[in-house]
Amino acid sequence: LNGISCGLVELPSGHIPRSRNVHYQSLLDPQERILKSPEELAKVFIDAEISLSRPFVASCGSGLTACLIALAAFECRQENVAVYDGSWTEWAIKANPEEIIKCEIK
C-alpha cells in the first residue's frame, strides 16, 4: 500500500449467484443511526427473501458491511451466519465470467 492507490483491481459489476441484497442503511434507524429493533430487522430480511431459520453467508463488496448484516441477523437470534470476508472483491476475481450475474442498472 503506497497511500496513493487502494490497490483494488477493476471488477465487473454483478452479484454472486443466489445472493440477495440487503443495503446496510436498511438495518439502521435513520434518526438514531443505530440498529433497528429485532422485529424491524426481521422484516428487512423477510422483504429480501432471506430466511432467518436457515444458516446463510453475509457478503458485500469487501467484507466490512457484511459484518453489520451478520450482527443484524444475530440480533434476530440467528447465530448461524458466516461472513465471507473476501466478499465480492475476492469472488469476482476468482469466478469464471459466466458465473457472474450481471446487474441491470435502472
PDB file of N, CA and C in Angstrom:
ATOM      1  N   LEU A   1       0.855  -1.186   0.000  1.00  0.00           N
ATOM      2  CA  LEU A   1       0.000   0.000   0.000  1.00  0.00           C
ATOM      3  C   LEU A   1       0.886   1.229   0.000  1.00  0.00           C
ATOM      4  N   ASN A   2       0.672   2.093  -0.962  1.00  0.00           N
ATOM      5  CA  ASN A   2       1.534   3.270  -1.083  1.00  0.00           C
ATOM      6  C   ASN A   2       0.839   4.570  -0.670  1.00  0.00           C
ATOM      7  N   GLY A   3      -0.396   4.499  -0.224  1.00  0.00           N
ATOM      8  CA  GLY A   3      -1.105   5.693   0.191  1.00  0.00           C
ATOM      9  C   GLY A   3      -1.723   6.476  -0.949  1.00  0.00           C
ATOM     10  N   ILE A   4      -1.410   6.107  -2.172  1.00  0.00           N
ATOM     11  CA  ILE A   4      -1.959   6.788  -3.340  1.00  0.00           C
ATOM     12  C   ILE A   4      -3.087   5.976  -3.945  1.00  0.00           C
ATOM     13  N   SER A   5      -2.875   4.682  -4.067  1.00  0.00           N
ATOM     14  CA  SER A   5      -3.856   3.779  -4.652  1.00  0.00           C
ATOM     15  C   SER A   5      -4.309   2.795  -3.585  1.00  0.00           C
ATOM     16  N   CYS A   6      -5.596   2.458  -3.593  1.00  0.00           N
ATOM     17  CA  CYS A   6      -6.101   1.499  -2.608  1.00  0.00           C
ATOM     18  C   CYS A   6      -5.750   0.073  -2.989  1.00  0.00           C
ATOM     19  N   GLY A   7      -5.211  -0.142  -4.181  1.00  0.00           N
ATOM     20  CA  GLY A   7      -4.771  -1.463  -4.590  1.00  0.00           C
ATOM     21  C   GLY A   7      -5.866  -2.360  -5.141  1.00  0.00           C
ATOM     22  N   LEU A   8      -7.086  -1.861  -5.250  1.00  0.00           N
ATOM     23  CA  LEU A   8      -8.178  -2.682  -5.772  1.00  0.00           C
ATOM     24  C   LEU A   8      -8.071  -2.792  -7.286  1.00  0.00           C
ATOM     25  N   VAL A   9      -8.416  -3.966  -7.776  1.00  0.00           N
ATOM     26  CA  VAL A   9      -8.422  -4.179  -9.219  1.00  0.00           C
ATOM     27  C   VAL A   9      -9.769  -3.747  -9.785  1.00  0.00           C
ATOM     28  N   GLU A  10      -9.793  -3.531 -11.070  1.00  0.00           N
ATOM     29  CA  GLU A  10     -11.045  -3.190 -11.751  1.00  0.00           C
ATOM     30  C   GLU A  10     -11.915  -4.440 -11.775  1.00  0.00           C
ATOM     31  N   LEU A  11     -13.117  -4.356 -11.219  1.00  0.00           N
ATOM     32  CA  LEU A  11     -14.008  -5.507 -11.134  1.00  0.00           C
ATOM     33  C   LEU A  11     -15.280  -5.259 -11.925  1.00  0.00           C
ATOM     34  N   PRO A  12     -15.837  -6.323 -12.486  1.00  0.00           N
ATOM     35  CA  PRO A  12     -17.130  -6.164 -13.150  1.00  0.00           C
ATOM     36  C   PRO A  12     -18.219  -5.935 -12.104  1.00  0.00           C
ATOM     37  N   SER A  13     -19.305  -5.284 -12.490  1.00  0.00           N
ATOM     38  CA  SER A  13     -20.435  -5.180 -11.574  1.00  0.00           C
ATOM     39  C   SER A  13     -21.261  -6.449 -11.714  1.00  0.00           C
ATOM     40  N   GLY A  14     -21.931  -6.816 -10.666  1.00  0.00           N
ATOM     41  CA  GLY A  14     -22.746  -8.022 -10.681  1.00  0.00           C
ATOM     42  C   GLY A  14     -22.951  -8.538  -9.278  1.00  0.00           C
ATOM     43  N   HIS A  15     -23.387  -9.788  -9.175  1.00  0.00           N
ATOM     44  CA  HIS A  15     -23.526 -10.390  -7.852  1.00  0.00           C
ATOM     45  C   HIS A  15     -23.315 -11.891  -7.928  1.00  0.00           C
ATOM     46  N   ILE A  16     -23.085 -12.477  -6.775  1.00  0.00           N
ATOM     47  CA  ILE A  16     -22.873 -13.907  -6.636  1.00  0.00           C
ATOM     48  C   ILE A  16     -24.211 -14.609  -6.859  1.00  0.00           C
ATOM     49  N   PRO A  17     -24.231 -15.715  -7.604  1.00  0.00           N
ATOM     50  CA  PRO A  17     -25.495 -16.420  -7.836  1.00  0.00           C
ATOM     51  C   PRO A  17     -26.237 -16.740  -6.533  1.00  0.00           C
ATOM     52  N   ARG A  18     -27.550 -16.620  -6.575  1.00  0.00           N
ATOM     53  CA  ARG A  18     -28.479 -16.887  -5.470  1.00  0.00           C
ATOM     54  C   ARG A  18     -28.326 -15.913  -4.293  1.00  0.00           C
ATOM     55  N   SER A  19     -27.585 -14.834  -4.493  1.00  0.00           N
ATOM     56  CA  SER A  19     -27.455 -13.858  -3.410  1.00  0.00           C
ATOM     57  C   SER A  19     -28.670 -12.936  -3.377  1.00  0.00           C
ATOM     58  N   ARG A  20     -28.876 -12.321  -2.239  1.00  0.00           N
ATOM     59  CA  ARG A  20     -29.954 -11.350  -2.029  1.00  0.00           C
ATOM     60  C   ARG A  20     -29.321 -10.049  -1.566  1.00  0.00           C
ATOM     61  N   ASN A  21     -30.005  -8.939  -1.804  1.00  0.00           N
ATOM     62  CA  ASN A  21     -29.459  -7.640  -1.452  1.00  0.00           C
ATOM     63  C   ASN A  21     -30.134  -7.077  -0.198  1.00  0.00           C
ATOM     64  N   VAL A  22     -29.316  -6.755   0.794  1.00  0.00           N
ATOM     65  CA  VAL A  22     -29.761  -6.021   1.973  1.00  0.00           C
ATOM     66  C   VAL A  22     -28.781  -4.862   2.130  1.00  0.00           C
ATOM     67  N   HIS A  23     -29.244  -3.662   1.839  1.00  0.00           N
ATOM     68  CA  HIS A  23     -28.373  -2.493   1.976  1.00  0.00           C
ATOM     69  C   HIS A  23     -28.215  -2.188   3.462  1.00  0.00           C
ATOM     70  N   TYR A  24     -26.994  -1.897   3.873  1.00  0.00           N
ATOM     71  CA  TYR A  24     -26.737  -1.684   5.292  1.00  0.00           C
ATOM     72  C   TYR A  24     -27.608  -0.579   5.895  1.00  0.00           C
ATOM     73  N   GLN A  25     -27.950   0.441   5.127  1.00  0.00           N
ATOM     74  CA  GLN A  25     -28.763   1.533   5.666  1.00  0.00           C
ATOM     75  C   GLN A  25     -30.171   1.071   6.032  1.00  0.00           C
ATOM     76  N   SER A  26     -30.647  -0.010   5.395  1.00  0.00           N
ATOM     77  CA  SER A  26     -31.980  -0.522   5.729  1.00  0.00           C
ATOM     78  C   SER A  26     -32.005  -1.175   7.105  1.00  0.00           C
ATOM     79  N   LEU A  27     -30.836  -1.408   7.696  1.00  0.00           N
ATOM     80  CA  LEU A  27     -30.735  -2.031   9.017  1.00  0.00           C
ATOM     81  C   LEU A  27     -30.673  -0.995  10.141  1.00  0.00           C
ATOM     82  N   LEU A  28     -30.517   0.257   9.768  1.00  0.00           N
ATOM     83  CA  LEU A  28     -30.316   1.319  10.755  1.00  0.00           C
ATOM     84  C   LEU A  28     -31.522   2.228  10.879  1.00  0.00           C
ATOM     85  N   ASP A  29     -31.774   2.666  12.097  1.00  0.00           N
ATOM     86  CA  ASP A  29     -32.782   3.698  12.335  1.00  0.00           C
ATOM     87  C   ASP A  29     -32.222   4.992  11.757  1.00  0.00           C
ATOM     88  N   PRO A  30     -32.935   5.648  10.835  1.00  0.00           N
ATOM     89  CA  PRO A  30     -32.363   6.811  10.151  1.00  0.00           C
ATOM     90  C   PRO A  30     -32.088   8.015  11.058  1.00  0.00           C
ATOM     91  N   GLN A  31     -32.862   8.179  12.119  1.00  0.00           N
ATOM     92  CA  GLN A  31     -32.621   9.309  13.018  1.00  0.00           C
ATOM     93  C   GLN A  31     -31.534   8.998  14.046  1.00  0.00           C
ATOM     94  N   GLU A  32     -31.608   7.830  14.646  1.00  0.00           N
ATOM     95  CA  GLU A  32     -30.684   7.482  15.727  1.00  0.00           C
ATOM     96  C   GLU A  32     -29.362   6.900  15.235  1.00  0.00           C
ATOM     97  N   ARG A  33     -29.362   6.378  13.983  1.00  0.00           N
ATOM     98  CA  ARG A  33     -28.187   5.740  13.395  1.00  0.00           C
ATOM     99  C   ARG A  33     -27.678   4.572  14.238  1.00  0.00           C
ATOM    100  N   ILE A  34     -28.628   3.808  14.784  1.00  0.00           N
ATOM    101  CA  ILE A  34     -28.337   2.564  15.490  1.00  0.00           C
ATOM    102  C   ILE A  34     -29.164   1.464  14.832  1.00  0.00           C
ATOM    103  N   LEU A  35     -28.863   0.216  15.166  1.00  0.00           N
ATOM    104  CA  LEU A  35     -29.644  -0.875  14.588  1.00  0.00           C
ATOM    105  C   LEU A  35     -31.115  -0.726  14.942  1.00  0.00           C
ATOM    106  N   LYS A  36     -31.955  -1.090  13.996  1.00  0.00           N
ATOM    107  CA  LYS A  36     -33.399  -1.118  14.239  1.00  0.00           C
ATOM    108  C   LYS A  36     -33.705  -2.209  15.264  1.00  0.00           C
ATOM    109  N   SER A  37     -34.931  -2.277  15.701  1.00  0.00           N
ATOM    110  CA  SER A  37     -35.352  -3.308  16.647  1.00  0.00           C
ATOM    111  C   SER A  37     -35.279  -4.677  15.968  1.00  0.00           C
ATOM    112  N   PRO A  38     -35.177  -5.754  16.744  1.00  0.00           N
ATOM    113  CA  PRO A  38     -35.167  -7.095  16.140  1.00  0.00           C
ATOM    114  C   PRO A  38     -36.382  -7.353  15.238  1.00  0.00           C
ATOM    115  N   GLU A  39     -37.537  -6.836  15.604  1.00  0.00           N
ATOM    116  CA  GLU A  39     -38.742  -7.019  14.789  1.00  0.00           C
ATOM    117  C   GLU A  39     -38.604  -6.310  13.442  1.00  0.00           C
ATOM    118  N   GLU A  40     -38.076  -5.100  13.469  1.00  0.00           N
ATOM    119  CA  GLU A  40     -37.876  -4.343  12.225  1.00  0.00           C
ATOM    120  C   GLU A  40     -36.795  -4.992  11.359  1.00  0.00           C
ATOM    121  N   LEU A  41     -35.742  -5.486  12.012  1.00  0.00           N
ATOM    122  CA  LEU A  41     -34.675  -6.161  11.271  1.00  0.00           C
ATOM    123  C   LEU A  41     -35.190  -7.426  10.603  1.00  0.00           C
ATOM    124  N   ALA A  42     -36.011  -8.182  11.327  1.00  0.00           N
ATOM    125  CA  ALA A  42     -36.575  -9.408  10.758  1.00  0.00           C
ATOM    126  C   ALA A  42     -37.375  -9.094   9.499  1.00  0.00           C
ATOM    127  N   LYS A  43     -38.102  -7.978   9.510  1.00  0.00           N
ATOM    128  CA  LYS A  43     -38.884  -7.588   8.329  1.00  0.00           C
ATOM    129  C   LYS A  43     -37.965  -7.264   7.151  1.00  0.00           C
ATOM    130  N   VAL A  44     -36.836  -6.630   7.418  1.00  0.00           N
ATOM    131  CA  VAL A  44     -35.874  -6.336   6.349  1.00  0.00           C
ATOM    132  C   VAL A  44     -35.414  -7.638   5.692  1.00  0.00           C
ATOM    133  N   PHE A  45     -35.092  -8.637   6.517  1.00  0.00           N
ATOM    134  CA  PHE A  45     -34.650  -9.925   5.973  1.00  0.00           C
ATOM    135  C   PHE A  45     -35.778 -10.622   5.221  1.00  0.00           C
ATOM    136  N   ILE A  46     -36.963 -10.594   5.764  1.00  0.00           N
ATOM    137  CA  ILE A  46     -38.117 -11.215   5.094  1.00  0.00           C
ATOM    138  C   ILE A  46     -38.364 -10.549   3.746  1.00  0.00           C
ATOM    139  N   ASP A  47     -38.339  -9.214   3.713  1.00  0.00           N
ATOM    140  CA  ASP A  47     -38.560  -8.478   2.464  1.00  0.00           C
ATOM    141  C   ASP A  47     -37.499  -8.815   1.409  1.00  0.00           C
ATOM    142  N   ALA A  48     -36.289  -9.174   1.861  1.00  0.00           N
ATOM    143  CA  ALA A  48     -35.208  -9.545   0.942  1.00  0.00           C
ATOM    144  C   ALA A  48     -35.216 -11.043   0.619  1.00  0.00           C
ATOM    145  N   GLU A  49     -36.251 -11.740   1.105  1.00  0.00           N
ATOM    146  CA  GLU A  49     -36.403 -13.180   0.876  1.00  0.00           C
ATOM    147  C   GLU A  49     -35.253 -13.986   1.472  1.00  0.00           C
ATOM    148  N   ILE A  50     -34.829 -13.574   2.684  1.00  0.00           N
ATOM    149  CA  ILE A  50     -33.788 -14.288   3.432  1.00  0.00           C
ATOM    150  C   ILE A  50     -34.450 -14.913   4.646  1.00  0.00           C
ATOM    151  N   SER A  51     -34.347 -16.225   4.750  1.00  0.00           N
ATOM    152  CA  SER A  51     -34.932 -16.937   5.880  1.00  0.00           C
ATOM    153  C   SER A  51     -33.982 -16.886   7.072  1.00  0.00           C
ATOM    154  N   LEU A  52     -34.490 -16.408   8.187  1.00  0.00           N
ATOM    155  CA  LEU A  52     -33.695 -16.386   9.412  1.00  0.00           C
ATOM    156  C   LEU A  52     -33.717 -17.733  10.132  1.00  0.00           C
ATOM    157  N   SER A  53     -34.417 -18.703   9.567  1.00  0.00           N
ATOM    158  CA  SER A  53     -34.456 -20.033  10.181  1.00  0.00           C
ATOM    159  C   SER A  53     -33.404 -20.961   9.558  1.00  0.00           C
ATOM    160  N   ARG A  54     -32.655 -20.459   8.582  1.00  0.00           N
ATOM    161  CA  ARG A  54     -31.617 -21.253   7.928  1.00  0.00           C
ATOM    162  C   ARG A  54     -30.285 -20.502   7.985  1.00  0.00           C
ATOM    163  N   PRO A  55     -29.178 -21.230   8.047  1.00  0.00           N
ATOM    164  CA  PRO A  55     -27.864 -20.561   8.004  1.00  0.00           C
ATOM    165  C   PRO A  55     -27.695 -19.806   6.689  1.00  0.00           C
ATOM    166  N   PHE A  56     -26.947 -18.723   6.724  1.00  0.00           N
ATOM    167  CA  PHE A  56     -26.614 -18.018   5.490  1.00  0.00           C
ATOM    168  C   PHE A  56     -25.264 -17.335   5.622  1.00  0.00           C
ATOM    169  N   VAL A  57     -24.766 -16.859   4.485  1.00  0.00           N
ATOM    170  CA  VAL A  57     -23.475 -16.189   4.427  1.00  0.00           C
ATOM    171  C   VAL A  57     -23.713 -14.737   4.051  1.00  0.00           C
ATOM    172  N   ALA A  58     -23.153 -13.824   4.820  1.00  0.00           N
ATOM    173  CA  ALA A  58     -23.253 -12.393   4.525  1.00  0.00           C
ATOM    174  C   ALA A  58     -22.007 -11.980   3.736  1.00  0.00           C
ATOM    175  N   SER A  59     -22.239 -11.211   2.683  1.00  0.00           N
ATOM    176  CA  SER A  59     -21.121 -10.685   1.904  1.00  0.00           C
ATOM    177  C   SER A  59     -21.451  -9.260   1.488  1.00  0.00           C
ATOM    178  N   CYS A  60     -20.465  -8.583   0.949  1.00  0.00           N
ATOM    179  CA  CYS A  60     -20.676  -7.213   0.448  1.00  0.00           C
ATOM    180  C   CYS A  60     -19.600  -6.966  -0.588  1.00  0.00           C
ATOM    181  N   GLY A  61     -19.073  -5.784  -0.665  1.00  0.00           N
ATOM    182  CA  GLY A  61     -18.026  -5.501  -1.638  1.00  0.00           C
ATOM    183  C   GLY A  61     -16.664  -6.000  -1.192  1.00  0.00           C
ATOM    184  N   SER A  62     -16.339  -5.784   0.078  1.00  0.00           N
ATOM    185  CA  SER A  62     -15.016  -6.168   0.571  1.00  0.00           C
ATOM    186  C   SER A  62     -15.053  -6.918   1.896  1.00  0.00           C
ATOM    187  N   GLY A  63     -16.209  -7.060   2.529  1.00  0.00           N
ATOM    188  CA  GLY A  63     -16.324  -7.814   3.773  1.00  0.00           C
ATOM    189  C   GLY A  63     -16.743  -6.989   4.974  1.00  0.00           C
ATOM    190  N   LEU A  64     -16.540  -5.697   4.938  1.00  0.00           N
ATOM    191  CA  LEU A  64     -16.830  -4.861   6.101  1.00  0.00           C
ATOM    192  C   LEU A  64     -18.328  -4.740   6.378  1.00  0.00           C
ATOM    193  N   THR A  65     -19.106  -4.370   5.385  1.00  0.00           N
ATOM    194  CA  THR A  65     -20.544  -4.200   5.580  1.00  0.00           C
ATOM    195  C   THR A  65     -21.224  -5.522   5.888  1.00  0.00           C
ATOM    196  N   ALA A  66     -20.659  -6.623   5.415  1.00  0.00           N
ATOM    197  CA  ALA A  66     -21.213  -7.950   5.715  1.00  0.00           C
ATOM    198  C   ALA A  66     -21.264  -8.194   7.220  1.00  0.00           C
ATOM    199  N   CYS A  67     -20.337  -7.615   7.954  1.00  0.00           N
ATOM    200  CA  CYS A  67     -20.329  -7.771   9.416  1.00  0.00           C
ATOM    201  C   CYS A  67     -21.573  -7.139  10.037  1.00  0.00           C
ATOM    202  N   LEU A  68     -22.026  -6.024   9.509  1.00  0.00           N
ATOM    203  CA  LEU A  68     -23.243  -5.381  10.014  1.00  0.00           C
ATOM    204  C   LEU A  68     -24.462  -6.249   9.715  1.00  0.00           C
ATOM    205  N   ILE A  69     -24.491  -6.871   8.541  1.00  0.00           N
ATOM    206  CA  ILE A  69     -25.593  -7.771   8.193  1.00  0.00           C
ATOM    207  C   ILE A  69     -25.613  -8.961   9.148  1.00  0.00           C
ATOM    208  N   ALA A  70     -24.446  -9.523   9.435  1.00  0.00           N
ATOM    209  CA  ALA A  70     -24.363 -10.647  10.369  1.00  0.00           C
ATOM    210  C   ALA A  70     -24.802 -10.223  11.770  1.00  0.00           C
ATOM    211  N   LEU A  71     -24.403  -9.035  12.208  1.00  0.00           N
ATOM    212  CA  LEU A  71     -24.821  -8.527  13.514  1.00  0.00           C
ATOM    213  C   LEU A  71     -26.335  -8.364  13.574  1.00  0.00           C
ATOM    214  N   ALA A  72     -26.925  -7.836  12.512  1.00  0.00           N
ATOM    215  CA  ALA A  72     -28.383  -7.671  12.471  1.00  0.00           C
ATOM    216  C   ALA A  72     -29.082  -9.022  12.555  1.00  0.00           C
ATOM    217  N   ALA A  73     -28.561 -10.021  11.860  1.00  0.00           N
ATOM    218  CA  ALA A  73     -29.142 -11.364  11.929  1.00  0.00           C
ATOM    219  C   ALA A  73     -29.001 -11.928  13.345  1.00  0.00           C
ATOM    220  N   PHE A  74     -27.858 -11.702  13.962  1.00  0.00           N
ATOM    221  CA  PHE A  74     -27.629 -12.147  15.335  1.00  0.00           C
ATOM    222  C   PHE A  74     -28.638 -11.511  16.285  1.00  0.00           C
ATOM    223  N   GLU A  75     -28.937 -10.241  16.074  1.00  0.00           N
ATOM    224  CA  GLU A  75     -29.938  -9.545  16.894  1.00  0.00           C
ATOM    225  C   GLU A  75     -31.322 -10.179  16.731  1.00  0.00           C
ATOM    226  N   CYS A  76     -31.530 -10.835  15.599  1.00  0.00           N
ATOM    227  CA  CYS A  76     -32.797 -11.547  15.342  1.00  0.00           C
ATOM    228  C   CYS A  76     -32.713 -13.000  15.813  1.00  0.00           C
ATOM    229  N   ARG A  77     -31.715 -13.315  16.593  1.00  0.00           N
ATOM    230  CA  ARG A  77     -31.475 -14.655  17.158  1.00  0.00           C
ATOM    231  C   ARG A  77     -31.035 -15.685  16.129  1.00  0.00           C
ATOM    232  N   GLN A  78     -30.520 -15.226  14.996  1.00  0.00           N
ATOM    233  CA  GLN A  78     -29.930 -16.135  14.012  1.00  0.00           C
ATOM    234  C   GLN A  78     -28.424 -16.100  14.239  1.00  0.00           C
ATOM    235  N   GLU A  79     -27.918 -17.116  14.916  1.00  0.00           N
ATOM    236  CA  GLU A  79     -26.498 -17.146  15.260  1.00  0.00           C
ATOM    237  C   GLU A  79     -25.668 -17.911  14.237  1.00  0.00           C
ATOM    238  N   ASN A  80     -26.306 -18.530  13.248  1.00  0.00           N
ATOM    239  CA  ASN A  80     -25.584 -19.331  12.270  1.00  0.00           C
ATOM    240  C   ASN A  80     -25.416 -18.541  10.970  1.00  0.00           C
ATOM    241  N   VAL A  81     -24.637 -17.471  11.071  1.00  0.00           N
ATOM    242  CA  VAL A  81     -24.342 -16.617   9.920  1.00  0.00           C
ATOM    243  C   VAL A  81     -22.831 -16.516   9.775  1.00  0.00           C
ATOM    244  N   ALA A  82     -22.352 -16.806   8.601  1.00  0.00           N
ATOM    245  CA  ALA A  82     -20.926 -16.653   8.310  1.00  0.00           C
ATOM    246  C   ALA A  82     -20.710 -15.342   7.568  1.00  0.00           C
ATOM    247  N   VAL A  83     -19.548 -14.760   7.738  1.00  0.00           N
ATOM    248  CA  VAL A  83     -19.172 -13.565   6.985  1.00  0.00           C
ATOM    249  C   VAL A  83     -18.111 -13.978   5.968  1.00  0.00           C
ATOM    250  N   TYR A  84     -18.427 -13.774   4.700  1.00  0.00           N
ATOM    251  CA  TYR A  84     -17.460 -14.033   3.635  1.00  0.00           C
ATOM    252  C   TYR A  84     -16.600 -12.786   3.546  1.00  0.00           C
ATOM    253  N   ASP A  85     -15.452 -12.813   4.216  1.00  0.00           N
ATOM    254  CA  ASP A  85     -14.653 -11.594   4.331  1.00  0.00           C
ATOM    255  C   ASP A  85     -14.019 -11.167   3.010  1.00  0.00           C
ATOM    256  N   GLY A  86     -13.845 -12.079   2.071  1.00  0.00           N
ATOM    257  CA  GLY A  86     -13.344 -11.690   0.748  1.00  0.00           C
ATOM    258  C   GLY A  86     -14.421 -11.036  -0.089  1.00  0.00           C
ATOM    259  N   SER A  87     -15.658 -11.421   0.174  1.00  0.00           N
ATOM    260  CA  SER A  87     -16.853 -10.875  -0.462  1.00  0.00           C
ATOM    261  C   SER A  87     -16.707 -10.732  -1.968  1.00  0.00           C
ATOM    262  N   TRP A  88     -17.393  -9.732  -2.534  1.00  0.00           N
ATOM    263  CA  TRP A  88     -17.441  -9.579  -3.986  1.00  0.00           C
ATOM    264  C   TRP A  88     -16.042  -9.428  -4.580  1.00  0.00           C
ATOM    265  N   THR A  89     -15.166  -8.711  -3.921  1.00  0.00           N
ATOM    266  CA  THR A  89     -13.833  -8.473  -4.461  1.00  0.00           C
ATOM    267  C   THR A  89     -13.123  -9.794  -4.744  1.00  0.00           C
ATOM    268  N   GLU A  90     -13.083 -10.674  -3.766  1.00  0.00           N
ATOM    269  CA  GLU A  90     -12.417 -11.959  -3.947  1.00  0.00           C
ATOM    270  C   GLU A  90     -13.172 -12.849  -4.929  1.00  0.00           C
ATOM    271  N   TRP A  91     -14.488 -12.912  -4.773  1.00  0.00           N
ATOM    272  CA  TRP A  91     -15.295 -13.810  -5.597  1.00  0.00           C
ATOM    273  C   TRP A  91     -15.201 -13.435  -7.073  1.00  0.00           C
ATOM    274  N   ALA A  92     -15.323 -12.147  -7.383  1.00  0.00           N
ATOM    275  CA  ALA A  92     -15.304 -11.702  -8.780  1.00  0.00           C
ATOM    276  C   ALA A  92     -13.948 -11.953  -9.439  1.00  0.00           C
ATOM    277  N   ILE A  93     -12.884 -11.864  -8.671  1.00  0.00           N
ATOM    278  CA  ILE A  93     -11.552 -12.132  -9.217  1.00  0.00           C
ATOM    279  C   ILE A  93     -11.411 -13.612  -9.568  1.00  0.00           C
ATOM    280  N   LYS A  94     -11.965 -14.486  -8.730  1.00  0.00           N
ATOM    281  CA  LYS A  94     -11.796 -15.930  -8.903  1.00  0.00           C
ATOM    282  C   LYS A  94     -12.865 -16.582  -9.784  1.00  0.00           C
ATOM    283  N   ALA A  95     -14.007 -15.941  -9.959  1.00  0.00           N
ATOM    284  CA  ALA A  95     -15.135 -16.554 -10.679  1.00  0.00           C
ATOM    285  C   ALA A  95     -14.877 -16.623 -12.175  1.00  0.00           C
ATOM    286  N   ASN A  96     -15.459 -17.637 -12.797  1.00  0.00           N
ATOM    287  CA  ASN A  96     -15.489 -17.679 -14.251  1.00  0.00           C
ATOM    288  C   ASN A  96     -16.482 -16.609 -14.707  1.00  0.00           C
ATOM    289  N   PRO A  97     -16.210 -15.917 -15.806  1.00  0.00           N
ATOM    290  CA  PRO A  97     -17.106 -14.840 -16.259  1.00  0.00           C
ATOM    291  C   PRO A  97     -18.565 -15.267 -16.393  1.00  0.00           C
ATOM    292  N   GLU A  98     -18.823 -16.511 -16.809  1.00  0.00           N
ATOM    293  CA  GLU A  98     -20.211 -16.959 -16.968  1.00  0.00           C
ATOM    294  C   GLU A  98     -20.919 -17.176 -15.630  1.00  0.00           C
ATOM    295  N   GLU A  99     -20.185 -17.205 -14.519  1.00  0.00           N
ATOM    296  CA  GLU A  99     -20.795 -17.364 -13.194  1.00  0.00           C
ATOM    297  C   GLU A  99     -21.299 -16.042 -12.617  1.00  0.00           C
ATOM    298  N   ILE A 100     -20.822 -14.935 -13.146  1.00  0.00           N
ATOM    299  CA  ILE A 100     -21.179 -13.622 -12.611  1.00  0.00           C
ATOM    300  C   ILE A 100     -22.563 -13.226 -13.112  1.00  0.00           C
ATOM    301  N   ILE A 101     -23.451 -12.931 -12.191  1.00  0.00           N
ATOM    302  CA  ILE A 101     -24.794 -12.464 -12.533  1.00  0.00           C
ATOM    303  C   ILE A 101     -24.705 -10.955 -12.747  1.00  0.00           C
ATOM    304  N   LYS A 102     -24.932 -10.524 -13.958  1.00  0.00           N
ATOM    305  CA  LYS A 102     -24.827  -9.101 -14.285  1.00  0.00           C
ATOM    306  C   LYS A 102     -25.982  -8.323 -13.672  1.00  0.00           C
ATOM    307  N   CYS A 103     -25.661  -7.141 -13.160  1.00  0.00           N
ATOM    308  CA  CYS A 103     -26.678  -6.260 -12.584  1.00  0.00           C
ATOM    309  C   CYS A 103     -27.234  -5.359 -13.673  1.00  0.00           C
ATOM    310  N   GLU A 104     -28.534  -5.191 -13.640  1.00  0.00           N
ATOM    311  CA  GLU A 104     -29.161  -4.239 -14.549  1.00  0.00           C
ATOM    312  C   GLU A 104     -29.296  -2.913 -13.817  1.00  0.00           C
ATOM    313  N   ILE A 105     -28.787  -1.861 -14.403  1.00  0.00           N
ATOM    314  CA  ILE A 105     -28.889  -0.531 -13.806  1.00  0.00           C
ATOM    315  C   ILE A 105     -30.200   0.076 -14.247  1.00  0.00           C
ATOM    316  N   LYS A 106     -30.990   0.498 -13.257  1.00  0.00           N
ATOM    317  CA  LYS A 106     -32.327   1.059 -13.552  1.00  0.00           C
ATOM    318  C   LYS A 106     -32.295   2.555 -13.527  1.00  0.00           C
TER     319      LYS A 106
END
